[in-house]
Amino acid sequence: MKPEASFCYWEEDTLVLNILGRPRAKKTKIGKVIGKQLEIHVAENPVRGRATAHMVRFLADEFEVTESAITVVFGVYNVNKQLRITAPKSLPPCIPPPSTSGNL
């Protein structure tokens, strides 16, 4: 089930993330939650999708998945994005594990 007030939710083993991209950052890193989006700072210019590609490479390392396990649903050329990460092996502290996001 998709919680409306969250920046992320689980669909079985797939994590769906709503991202607010911050290109031209000094360092690529995960930022804070802003409303219904997770802020990601990207040390790349937003030219022809390069910042999004850089973000996908960074997040693949963070979640310990291959780049092909990450799908950009929308926002390749926009700061507002949605990503689907299939079977992440590692979760940053701001991401709840799938067992805590289900209905109780």
PDB file of N, CA and C in Angstrom:
ATOM      1  N   MET A   1       0.843  -1.191   0.000  1.00  0.00           N
ATOM      2  CA  MET A   1       0.000   0.000   0.000  1.00  0.00           C
ATOM      3  C   MET A   1       0.879   1.242   0.000  1.00  0.00           C
ATOM      4  N   LYS A   2       0.487   2.239  -0.724  1.00  0.00           N
ATOM      5  CA  LYS A   2       1.266   3.457  -0.887  1.00  0.00           C
ATOM      6  C   LYS A   2       0.840   4.510   0.140  1.00  0.00           C
ATOM      7  N   PRO A   3       1.730   4.841   1.107  1.00  0.00           N
ATOM      8  CA  PRO A   3       1.400   5.921   2.032  1.00  0.00           C
ATOM      9  C   PRO A   3       1.542   7.270   1.343  1.00  0.00           C
ATOM     10  N   GLU A   4       0.545   8.117   1.455  1.00  0.00           N
ATOM     11  CA  GLU A   4       0.536   9.403   0.740  1.00  0.00           C
ATOM     12  C   GLU A   4       1.495  10.432   1.342  1.00  0.00           C
ATOM     13  N   ALA A   5       1.829  10.313   2.627  1.00  0.00           N
ATOM     14  CA  ALA A   5       2.625  11.336   3.284  1.00  0.00           C
ATOM     15  C   ALA A   5       4.115  11.021   3.310  1.00  0.00           C
ATOM     16  N   SER A   6       4.544  10.005   2.595  1.00  0.00           N
ATOM     17  CA  SER A   6       5.929   9.591   2.677  1.00  0.00           C
ATOM     18  C   SER A   6       6.675   9.835   1.364  1.00  0.00           C
ATOM     19  N   PHE A   7       7.989   9.946   1.474  1.00  0.00           N
ATOM     20  CA  PHE A   7       8.834  10.103   0.287  1.00  0.00           C
ATOM     21  C   PHE A   7       9.193   8.748  -0.324  1.00  0.00           C
ATOM     22  N   CYS A   8       8.869   7.649   0.377  1.00  0.00           N
ATOM     23  CA  CYS A   8       9.190   6.326  -0.147  1.00  0.00           C
ATOM     24  C   CYS A   8       8.153   5.315   0.309  1.00  0.00           C
ATOM     25  N   TYR A   9       8.065   4.226  -0.440  1.00  0.00           N
ATOM     26  CA  TYR A   9       7.220   3.109  -0.045  1.00  0.00           C
ATOM     27  C   TYR A   9       7.731   1.846  -0.725  1.00  0.00           C
ATOM     28  N   TRP A  10       7.282   0.724  -0.228  1.00  0.00           N
ATOM     29  CA  TRP A  10       7.711  -0.575  -0.749  1.00  0.00           C
ATOM     30  C   TRP A  10       6.595  -1.225  -1.545  1.00  0.00           C
ATOM     31  N   GLU A  11       6.940  -1.832  -2.652  1.00  0.00           N
ATOM     32  CA  GLU A  11       6.056  -2.699  -3.424  1.00  0.00           C
ATOM     33  C   GLU A  11       6.769  -4.044  -3.475  1.00  0.00           C
ATOM     34  N   GLU A  12       6.447  -4.906  -2.517  1.00  0.00           N
ATOM     35  CA  GLU A  12       7.132  -6.183  -2.309  1.00  0.00           C
ATOM     36  C   GLU A  12       8.609  -5.916  -2.063  1.00  0.00           C
ATOM     37  N   ASP A  13       9.517  -6.357  -2.946  1.00  0.00           N
ATOM     38  CA  ASP A  13      10.951  -6.140  -2.702  1.00  0.00           C
ATOM     39  C   ASP A  13      11.497  -4.906  -3.415  1.00  0.00           C
ATOM     40  N   THR A  14      10.609  -4.088  -3.966  1.00  0.00           N
ATOM     41  CA  THR A  14      11.030  -2.894  -4.707  1.00  0.00           C
ATOM     42  C   THR A  14      10.741  -1.634  -3.899  1.00  0.00           C
ATOM     43  N   LEU A  15      11.773  -0.822  -3.733  1.00  0.00           N
ATOM     44  CA  LEU A  15      11.647   0.456  -3.041  1.00  0.00           C
ATOM     45  C   LEU A  15      11.338   1.543  -4.067  1.00  0.00           C
ATOM     46  N   VAL A  16      10.291   2.313  -3.828  1.00  0.00           N
ATOM     47  CA  VAL A  16       9.929   3.432  -4.695  1.00  0.00           C
ATOM     48  C   VAL A  16      10.299   4.714  -3.946  1.00  0.00           C
ATOM     49  N   LEU A  17      11.132   5.535  -4.556  1.00  0.00           N
ATOM     50  CA  LEU A  17      11.638   6.765  -3.938  1.00  0.00           C
ATOM     51  C   LEU A  17      11.231   7.989  -4.746  1.00  0.00           C
ATOM     52  N   ASN A  18      10.708   8.994  -4.077  1.00  0.00           N
ATOM     53  CA  ASN A  18      10.471  10.296  -4.700  1.00  0.00           C
ATOM     54  C   ASN A  18      11.660  11.172  -4.336  1.00  0.00           C
ATOM     55  N   ILE A  19      12.330  11.699  -5.350  1.00  0.00           N
ATOM     56  CA  ILE A  19      13.602  12.404  -5.194  1.00  0.00           C
ATOM     57  C   ILE A  19      13.467  13.868  -5.599  1.00  0.00           C
ATOM     58  N   LEU A  20      14.151  14.715  -4.841  1.00  0.00           N
ATOM     59  CA  LEU A  20      14.373  16.103  -5.237  1.00  0.00           C
ATOM     60  C   LEU A  20      15.863  16.218  -5.518  1.00  0.00           C
ATOM     61  N   GLY A  21      16.239  16.265  -6.788  1.00  0.00           N
ATOM     62  CA  GLY A  21      17.640  16.341  -7.178  1.00  0.00           C
ATOM     63  C   GLY A  21      18.196  17.747  -7.000  1.00  0.00           C
ATOM     64  N   ARG A  22      19.416  17.823  -6.510  1.00  0.00           N
ATOM     65  CA  ARG A  22      20.120  19.095  -6.336  1.00  0.00           C
ATOM     66  C   ARG A  22      21.429  19.028  -7.121  1.00  0.00           C
ATOM     67  N   PRO A  23      21.392  19.339  -8.429  1.00  0.00           N
ATOM     68  CA  PRO A  23      22.614  19.266  -9.230  1.00  0.00           C
ATOM     69  C   PRO A  23      23.600  20.379  -8.866  1.00  0.00           C
ATOM     70  N   ARG A  24      24.809  20.258  -9.407  1.00  0.00           N
ATOM     71  CA  ARG A  24      25.891  21.227  -9.198  1.00  0.00           C
ATOM     72  C   ARG A  24      26.342  21.322  -7.743  1.00  0.00           C
ATOM     73  N   ALA A  25      26.192  20.243  -6.984  1.00  0.00           N
ATOM     74  CA  ALA A  25      26.628  20.233  -5.585  1.00  0.00           C
ATOM     75  C   ALA A  25      28.139  20.014  -5.523  1.00  0.00           C
ATOM     76  N   LYS A  26      28.738  20.367  -4.395  1.00  0.00           N
ATOM     77  CA  LYS A  26      30.169  20.130  -4.217  1.00  0.00           C
ATOM     78  C   LYS A  26      30.455  18.642  -4.041  1.00  0.00           C
ATOM     79  N   LYS A  27      29.502  17.930  -3.425  1.00  0.00           N
ATOM     80  CA  LYS A  27      29.684  16.507  -3.145  1.00  0.00           C
ATOM     81  C   LYS A  27      28.359  15.787  -3.368  1.00  0.00           C
ATOM     82  N   THR A  28      28.416  14.588  -3.929  1.00  0.00           N
ATOM     83  CA  THR A  28      27.213  13.782  -4.101  1.00  0.00           C
ATOM     84  C   THR A  28      26.899  13.105  -2.775  1.00  0.00           C
ATOM     85  N   LYS A  29      25.688  13.335  -2.263  1.00  0.00           N
ATOM     86  CA  LYS A  29      25.295  12.757  -0.974  1.00  0.00           C
ATOM     87  C   LYS A  29      23.782  12.784  -0.830  1.00  0.00           C
ATOM     88  N   ILE A  30      23.310  11.971   0.098  1.00  0.00           N
ATOM     89  CA  ILE A  30      21.892  11.959   0.437  1.00  0.00           C
ATOM     90  C   ILE A  30      21.644  13.087   1.424  1.00  0.00           C
ATOM     91  N   GLY A  31      20.638  13.895   1.140  1.00  0.00           N
ATOM     92  CA  GLY A  31      20.298  15.018   2.006  1.00  0.00           C
ATOM     93  C   GLY A  31      19.170  14.658   2.956  1.00  0.00           C
ATOM     94  N   LYS A  32      18.311  15.623   3.196  1.00  0.00           N
ATOM     95  CA  LYS A  32      17.215  15.424   4.146  1.00  0.00           C
ATOM     96  C   LYS A  32      15.897  15.208   3.416  1.00  0.00           C
ATOM     97  N   VAL A  33      14.906  14.807   4.172  1.00  0.00           N
ATOM     98  CA  VAL A  33      13.559  14.662   3.632  1.00  0.00           C
ATOM     99  C   VAL A  33      12.915  16.038   3.609  1.00  0.00           C
ATOM    100  N   ILE A  34      12.399  16.416   2.445  1.00  0.00           N
ATOM    101  CA  ILE A  34      11.704  17.696   2.282  1.00  0.00           C
ATOM    102  C   ILE A  34      10.306  17.375   1.778  1.00  0.00           C
ATOM    103  N   GLY A  35       9.329  17.474   2.658  1.00  0.00           N
ATOM    104  CA  GLY A  35       7.959  17.144   2.282  1.00  0.00           C
ATOM    105  C   GLY A  35       7.842  15.690   1.885  1.00  0.00           C
ATOM    106  N   LYS A  36       7.453  15.446   0.640  1.00  0.00           N
ATOM    107  CA  LYS A  36       7.280  14.078   0.139  1.00  0.00           C
ATOM    108  C   LYS A  36       8.422  13.649  -0.773  1.00  0.00           C
ATOM    109  N   GLN A  37       9.608  14.266  -0.589  1.00  0.00           N
ATOM    110  CA  GLN A  37      10.763  13.934  -1.420  1.00  0.00           C
ATOM    111  C   GLN A  37      12.017  13.812  -0.564  1.00  0.00           C
ATOM    112  N   LEU A  38      12.928  12.948  -1.021  1.00  0.00           N
ATOM    113  CA  LEU A  38      14.238  12.830  -0.412  1.00  0.00           C
ATOM    114  C   LEU A  38      15.210  13.636  -1.256  1.00  0.00           C
ATOM    115  N   GLU A  39      15.910  14.536  -0.617  1.00  0.00           N
ATOM    116  CA  GLU A  39      16.855  15.403  -1.317  1.00  0.00           C
ATOM    117  C   GLU A  39      18.157  14.633  -1.580  1.00  0.00           C
ATOM    118  N   ILE A  40      18.614  14.673  -2.826  1.00  0.00           N
ATOM    119  CA  ILE A  40      19.895  14.068  -3.201  1.00  0.00           C
ATOM    120  C   ILE A  40      20.742  15.146  -3.866  1.00  0.00           C
ATOM    121  N   HIS A  41      21.890  15.437  -3.267  1.00  0.00           N
ATOM    122  CA  HIS A  41      22.837  16.398  -3.836  1.00  0.00           C
ATOM    123  C   HIS A  41      23.720  15.657  -4.832  1.00  0.00           C
ATOM    124  N   VAL A  42      23.884  16.224  -6.020  1.00  0.00           N
ATOM    125  CA  VAL A  42      24.621  15.558  -7.085  1.00  0.00           C
ATOM    126  C   VAL A  42      25.726  16.479  -7.608  1.00  0.00           C
ATOM    127  N   ALA A  43      26.954  15.979  -7.579  1.00  0.00           N
ATOM    128  CA  ALA A  43      28.110  16.745  -8.056  1.00  0.00           C
ATOM    129  C   ALA A  43      28.261  16.568  -9.567  1.00  0.00           C
ATOM    130  N   GLU A  44      27.276  17.023 -10.297  1.00  0.00           N
ATOM    131  CA  GLU A  44      27.277  16.936 -11.760  1.00  0.00           C
ATOM    132  C   GLU A  44      26.352  18.023 -12.288  1.00  0.00           C
ATOM    133  N   ASN A  45      26.645  18.502 -13.483  1.00  0.00           N
ATOM    134  CA  ASN A  45      25.791  19.504 -14.115  1.00  0.00           C
ATOM    135  C   ASN A  45      24.563  18.839 -14.744  1.00  0.00           C
ATOM    136  N   PRO A  46      23.413  19.524 -14.715  1.00  0.00           N
ATOM    137  CA  PRO A  46      22.193  18.955 -15.279  1.00  0.00           C
ATOM    138  C   PRO A  46      22.111  19.148 -16.796  1.00  0.00           C
ATOM    139  N   VAL A  47      22.970  18.456 -17.499  1.00  0.00           N
ATOM    140  CA  VAL A  47      23.035  18.581 -18.950  1.00  0.00           C
ATOM    141  C   VAL A  47      22.733  17.221 -19.576  1.00  0.00           C
ATOM    142  N   ARG A  48      21.652  17.150 -20.371  1.00  0.00           N
ATOM    143  CA  ARG A  48      21.280  15.934 -21.100  1.00  0.00           C
ATOM    144  C   ARG A  48      21.217  14.691 -20.212  1.00  0.00           C
ATOM    145  N   GLY A  49      20.704  14.846 -18.988  1.00  0.00           N
ATOM    146  CA  GLY A  49      20.507  13.699 -18.111  1.00  0.00           C
ATOM    147  C   GLY A  49      21.747  13.214 -17.381  1.00  0.00           C
ATOM    148  N   ARG A  50      22.868  13.940 -17.494  1.00  0.00           N
ATOM    149  CA  ARG A  50      24.108  13.493 -16.835  1.00  0.00           C
ATOM    150  C   ARG A  50      23.985  13.475 -15.315  1.00  0.00           C
ATOM    151  N   ALA A  51      23.282  14.458 -14.741  1.00  0.00           N
ATOM    152  CA  ALA A  51      23.123  14.483 -13.286  1.00  0.00           C
ATOM    153  C   ALA A  51      22.307  13.285 -12.807  1.00  0.00           C
ATOM    154  N   THR A  52      21.276  12.932 -13.553  1.00  0.00           N
ATOM    155  CA  THR A  52      20.469  11.769 -13.184  1.00  0.00           C
ATOM    156  C   THR A  52      21.292  10.486 -13.305  1.00  0.00           C
ATOM    157  N   ALA A  53      22.071  10.351 -14.358  1.00  0.00           N
ATOM    158  CA  ALA A  53      22.920   9.165 -14.534  1.00  0.00           C
ATOM    159  C   ALA A  53      23.934   9.064 -13.392  1.00  0.00           C
ATOM    160  N   HIS A  54      24.506  10.196 -12.996  1.00  0.00           N
ATOM    161  CA  HIS A  54      25.449  10.228 -11.876  1.00  0.00           C
ATOM    162  C   HIS A  54      24.734   9.801 -10.592  1.00  0.00           C
ATOM    163  N   MET A  55      23.516  10.285 -10.381  1.00  0.00           N
ATOM    164  CA  MET A  55      22.729   9.931  -9.201  1.00  0.00           C
ATOM    165  C   MET A  55      22.452   8.428  -9.155  1.00  0.00           C
ATOM    166  N   VAL A  56      22.110   7.852 -10.294  1.00  0.00           N
ATOM    167  CA  VAL A  56      21.836   6.412 -10.352  1.00  0.00           C
ATOM    168  C   VAL A  56      23.092   5.619  -9.980  1.00  0.00           C
ATOM    169  N   ARG A  57      24.248   6.013 -10.489  1.00  0.00           N
ATOM    170  CA  ARG A  57      25.502   5.331 -10.131  1.00  0.00           C
ATOM    171  C   ARG A  57      25.764   5.429  -8.627  1.00  0.00           C
ATOM    172  N   PHE A  58      25.576   6.613  -8.069  1.00  0.00           N
ATOM    173  CA  PHE A  58      25.780   6.837  -6.641  1.00  0.00           C
ATOM    174  C   PHE A  58      24.821   5.984  -5.811  1.00  0.00           C
ATOM    175  N   LEU A  59      23.532   6.002  -6.173  1.00  0.00           N
ATOM    176  CA  LEU A  59      22.544   5.244  -5.412  1.00  0.00           C
ATOM    177  C   LEU A  59      22.736   3.739  -5.557  1.00  0.00           C
ATOM    178  N   ALA A  60      23.237   3.286  -6.694  1.00  0.00           N
ATOM    179  CA  ALA A  60      23.535   1.860  -6.854  1.00  0.00           C
ATOM    180  C   ALA A  60      24.562   1.420  -5.811  1.00  0.00           C
ATOM    181  N   ASP A  61      25.565   2.240  -5.575  1.00  0.00           N
ATOM    182  CA  ASP A  61      26.558   1.936  -4.533  1.00  0.00           C
ATOM    183  C   ASP A  61      25.933   2.004  -3.146  1.00  0.00           C
ATOM    184  N   GLU A  62      25.135   3.031  -2.892  1.00  0.00           N
ATOM    185  CA  GLU A  62      24.508   3.209  -1.575  1.00  0.00           C
ATOM    186  C   GLU A  62      23.582   2.047  -1.210  1.00  0.00           C
ATOM    187  N   PHE A  63      22.831   1.554  -2.180  1.00  0.00           N
ATOM    188  CA  PHE A  63      21.858   0.484  -1.932  1.00  0.00           C
ATOM    189  C   PHE A  63      22.424  -0.902  -2.260  1.00  0.00           C
ATOM    190  N   GLU A  64      23.693  -0.947  -2.691  1.00  0.00           N
ATOM    191  CA  GLU A  64      24.374  -2.194  -3.031  1.00  0.00           C
ATOM    192  C   GLU A  64      23.598  -3.011  -4.062  1.00  0.00           C
ATOM    193  N   VAL A  65      23.261  -2.346  -5.166  1.00  0.00           N
ATOM    194  CA  VAL A  65      22.592  -2.992  -6.295  1.00  0.00           C
ATOM    195  C   VAL A  65      23.333  -2.603  -7.569  1.00  0.00           C
ATOM    196  N   THR A  66      23.008  -3.273  -8.664  1.00  0.00           N
ATOM    197  CA  THR A  66      23.561  -2.873  -9.951  1.00  0.00           C
ATOM    198  C   THR A  66      22.774  -1.664 -10.455  1.00  0.00           C
ATOM    199  N   GLU A  67      23.365  -0.925 -11.366  1.00  0.00           N
ATOM    200  CA  GLU A  67      22.661   0.220 -11.945  1.00  0.00           C
ATOM    201  C   GLU A  67      21.384  -0.214 -12.651  1.00  0.00           C
ATOM    202  N   SER A  68      21.387  -1.410 -13.211  1.00  0.00           N
ATOM    203  CA  SER A  68      20.199  -1.897 -13.915  1.00  0.00           C
ATOM    204  C   SER A  68      19.048  -2.221 -12.966  1.00  0.00           C
ATOM    205  N   ALA A  69      19.317  -2.304 -11.664  1.00  0.00           N
ATOM    206  CA  ALA A  69      18.260  -2.543 -10.675  1.00  0.00           C
ATOM    207  C   ALA A  69      17.518  -1.253 -10.328  1.00  0.00           C
ATOM    208  N   ILE A  70      17.988  -0.120 -10.843  1.00  0.00           N
ATOM    209  CA  ILE A  70      17.362   1.175 -10.585  1.00  0.00           C
ATOM    210  C   ILE A  70      16.688   1.668 -11.862  1.00  0.00           C
ATOM    211  N   THR A  71      15.407   1.945 -11.765  1.00  0.00           N
ATOM    212  CA  THR A  71      14.631   2.467 -12.893  1.00  0.00           C
ATOM    213  C   THR A  71      14.203   3.883 -12.576  1.00  0.00           C
ATOM    214  N   VAL A  72      14.456   4.796 -13.491  1.00  0.00           N
ATOM    215  CA  VAL A  72      13.950   6.163 -13.350  1.00  0.00           C
ATOM    216  C   VAL A  72      12.552   6.169 -13.966  1.00  0.00           C
ATOM    217  N   VAL A  73      11.530   6.248 -13.114  1.00  0.00           N
ATOM    218  CA  VAL A  73      10.142   6.218 -13.575  1.00  0.00           C
ATOM    219  C   VAL A  73       9.827   7.509 -14.322  1.00  0.00           C
ATOM    220  N   PHE A  74      10.181   8.636 -13.719  1.00  0.00           N
ATOM    221  CA  PHE A  74      10.046   9.928 -14.393  1.00  0.00           C
ATOM    222  C   PHE A  74      11.069  10.893 -13.825  1.00  0.00           C
ATOM    223  N   GLY A  75      11.395  11.940 -14.596  1.00  0.00           N
ATOM    224  CA  GLY A  75      12.273  13.003 -14.127  1.00  0.00           C
ATOM    225  C   GLY A  75      13.716  12.910 -14.554  1.00  0.00           C
ATOM    226  N   VAL A  76      14.015  12.216 -15.646  1.00  0.00           N
ATOM    227  CA  VAL A  76      15.397  12.127 -16.101  1.00  0.00           C
ATOM    228  C   VAL A  76      15.981  13.520 -16.313  1.00  0.00           C
ATOM    229  N   TYR A  77      15.182  14.442 -16.865  1.00  0.00           N
ATOM    230  CA  TYR A  77      15.646  15.803 -17.164  1.00  0.00           C
ATOM    231  C   TYR A  77      15.037  16.835 -16.230  1.00  0.00           C
ATOM    232  N   ASN A  78      14.627  16.420 -15.029  1.00  0.00           N
ATOM    233  CA  ASN A  78      13.945  17.308 -14.093  1.00  0.00           C
ATOM    234  C   ASN A  78      14.473  17.036 -12.689  1.00  0.00           C
ATOM    235  N   VAL A  79      14.398  18.018 -11.802  1.00  0.00           N
ATOM    236  CA  VAL A  79      14.854  17.807 -10.424  1.00  0.00           C
ATOM    237  C   VAL A  79      13.886  16.910  -9.650  1.00  0.00           C
ATOM    238  N   ASN A  80      12.628  16.862 -10.049  1.00  0.00           N
ATOM    239  CA  ASN A  80      11.643  15.993  -9.405  1.00  0.00           C
ATOM    240  C   ASN A  80      11.648  14.649 -10.111  1.00  0.00           C
ATOM    241  N   LYS A  81      11.972  13.590  -9.355  1.00  0.00           N
ATOM    242  CA  LYS A  81      12.133  12.266  -9.949  1.00  0.00           C
ATOM    243  C   LYS A  81      11.429  11.211  -9.108  1.00  0.00           C
ATOM    244  N   GLN A  82      11.150  10.091  -9.745  1.00  0.00           N
ATOM    245  CA  GLN A  82      10.749   8.906  -9.010  1.00  0.00           C
ATOM    246  C   GLN A  82      11.616   7.757  -9.488  1.00  0.00           C
ATOM    247  N   LEU A  83      12.176   7.028  -8.531  1.00  0.00           N
ATOM    248  CA  LEU A  83      13.040   5.899  -8.833  1.00  0.00           C
ATOM    249  C   LEU A  83      12.460   4.634  -8.216  1.00  0.00           C
ATOM    250  N   ARG A  84      12.688   3.514  -8.884  1.00  0.00           N
ATOM    251  CA  ARG A  84      12.331   2.194  -8.355  1.00  0.00           C
ATOM    252  C   ARG A  84      13.635   1.419  -8.214  1.00  0.00           C
ATOM    253  N   ILE A  85      13.896   0.930  -7.002  1.00  0.00           N
ATOM    254  CA  ILE A  85      15.122   0.189  -6.723  1.00  0.00           C
ATOM    255  C   ILE A  85      14.722  -1.234  -6.344  1.00  0.00           C
ATOM    256  N   THR A  86      15.094  -2.176  -7.184  1.00  0.00           N
ATOM    257  CA  THR A  86      14.713  -3.568  -6.976  1.00  0.00           C
ATOM    258  C   THR A  86      15.691  -4.262  -6.032  1.00  0.00           C
ATOM    259  N   ALA A  87      15.155  -4.856  -4.974  1.00  0.00           N
ATOM    260  CA  ALA A  87      15.898  -5.684  -4.011  1.00  0.00           C
ATOM    261  C   ALA A  87      17.168  -5.025  -3.472  1.00  0.00           C
ATOM    262  N   PRO A  88      17.041  -3.839  -2.833  1.00  0.00           N
ATOM    263  CA  PRO A  88      18.239  -3.223  -2.265  1.00  0.00           C
ATOM    264  C   PRO A  88      18.818  -4.090  -1.148  1.00  0.00           C
ATOM    265  N   LYS A  89      20.136  -4.206  -1.130  1.00  0.00           N
ATOM    266  CA  LYS A  89      20.814  -5.016  -0.117  1.00  0.00           C
ATOM    267  C   LYS A  89      21.199  -4.195   1.106  1.00  0.00           C
ATOM    268  N   SER A  90      21.245  -2.892   0.947  1.00  0.00           N
ATOM    269  CA  SER A  90      21.609  -1.983   2.028  1.00  0.00           C
ATOM    270  C   SER A  90      20.669  -0.780   1.976  1.00  0.00           C
ATOM    271  N   LEU A  91      20.327  -0.247   3.152  1.00  0.00           N
ATOM    272  CA  LEU A  91      19.439   0.916   3.217  1.00  0.00           C
ATOM    273  C   LEU A  91      20.094   2.036   4.013  1.00  0.00           C
ATOM    274  N   PRO A  92      20.087   3.271   3.485  1.00  0.00           N
ATOM    275  CA  PRO A  92      20.540   4.409   4.283  1.00  0.00           C
ATOM    276  C   PRO A  92      19.627   4.565   5.510  1.00  0.00           C
ATOM    277  N   PRO A  93      20.097   5.214   6.562  1.00  0.00           N
ATOM    278  CA  PRO A  93      19.300   5.339   7.788  1.00  0.00           C
ATOM    279  C   PRO A  93      17.922   5.987   7.602  1.00  0.00           C
ATOM    280  N   CYS A  94      17.753   6.840   6.612  1.00  0.00           N
ATOM    281  CA  CYS A  94      16.480   7.532   6.418  1.00  0.00           C
ATOM    282  C   CYS A  94      15.415   6.671   5.738  1.00  0.00           C
ATOM    283  N   ILE A  95      15.782   5.474   5.272  1.00  0.00           N
ATOM    284  CA  ILE A  95      14.846   4.601   4.550  1.00  0.00           C
ATOM    285  C   ILE A  95      14.376   3.491   5.488  1.00  0.00           C
ATOM    286  N   PRO A  96      13.069   3.381   5.720  1.00  0.00           N
ATOM    287  CA  PRO A  96      12.567   2.306   6.576  1.00  0.00           C
ATOM    288  C   PRO A  96      12.631   0.964   5.844  1.00  0.00           C
ATOM    289  N   PRO A  97      12.938  -0.115   6.578  1.00  0.00           N
ATOM    290  CA  PRO A  97      12.915  -1.434   5.938  1.00  0.00           C
ATOM    291  C   PRO A  97      11.495  -1.841   5.572  1.00  0.00           C
ATOM    292  N   PRO A  98      11.341  -2.796   4.658  1.00  0.00           N
ATOM    293  CA  PRO A  98       9.995  -3.158   4.204  1.00  0.00           C
ATOM    294  C   PRO A  98       9.087  -3.675   5.300  1.00  0.00           C
ATOM    295  N   SER A  99       9.621  -4.308   6.322  1.00  0.00           N
ATOM    296  CA  SER A  99       8.776  -4.886   7.375  1.00  0.00           C
ATOM    297  C   SER A  99       8.072  -3.827   8.212  1.00  0.00           C
ATOM    298  N   THR A 100       8.633  -2.608   8.306  1.00  0.00           N
ATOM    299  CA  THR A 100       8.029  -1.571   9.127  1.00  0.00           C
ATOM    300  C   THR A 100       7.051  -0.695   8.363  1.00  0.00           C
ATOM    301  N   SER A 101       7.002  -0.846   7.033  1.00  0.00           N
ATOM    302  CA  SER A 101       6.134   0.035   6.253  1.00  0.00           C
ATOM    303  C   SER A 101       4.819  -0.629   5.868  1.00  0.00           C
ATOM    304  N   GLY A 102       4.619  -1.878   6.249  1.00  0.00           N
ATOM    305  CA  GLY A 102       3.384  -2.564   5.912  1.00  0.00           C
ATOM    306  C   GLY A 102       2.264  -2.241   6.876  1.00  0.00           C
ATOM    307  N   ASN A 103       1.105  -2.734   6.593  1.00  0.00           N
ATOM    308  CA  ASN A 103      -0.031  -2.518   7.484  1.00  0.00           C
ATOM    309  C   ASN A 103       0.110  -3.401   8.715  1.00  0.00           C
ATOM    310  N   LEU A 104      -0.199  -2.854   9.875  1.00  0.00           N
ATOM    311  CA  LEU A 104      -0.110  -3.607  11.111  1.00  0.00           C
ATOM    312  C   LEU A 104      -1.465  -4.045  11.573  1.00  0.00           C
TER     313      LEU A 104
END
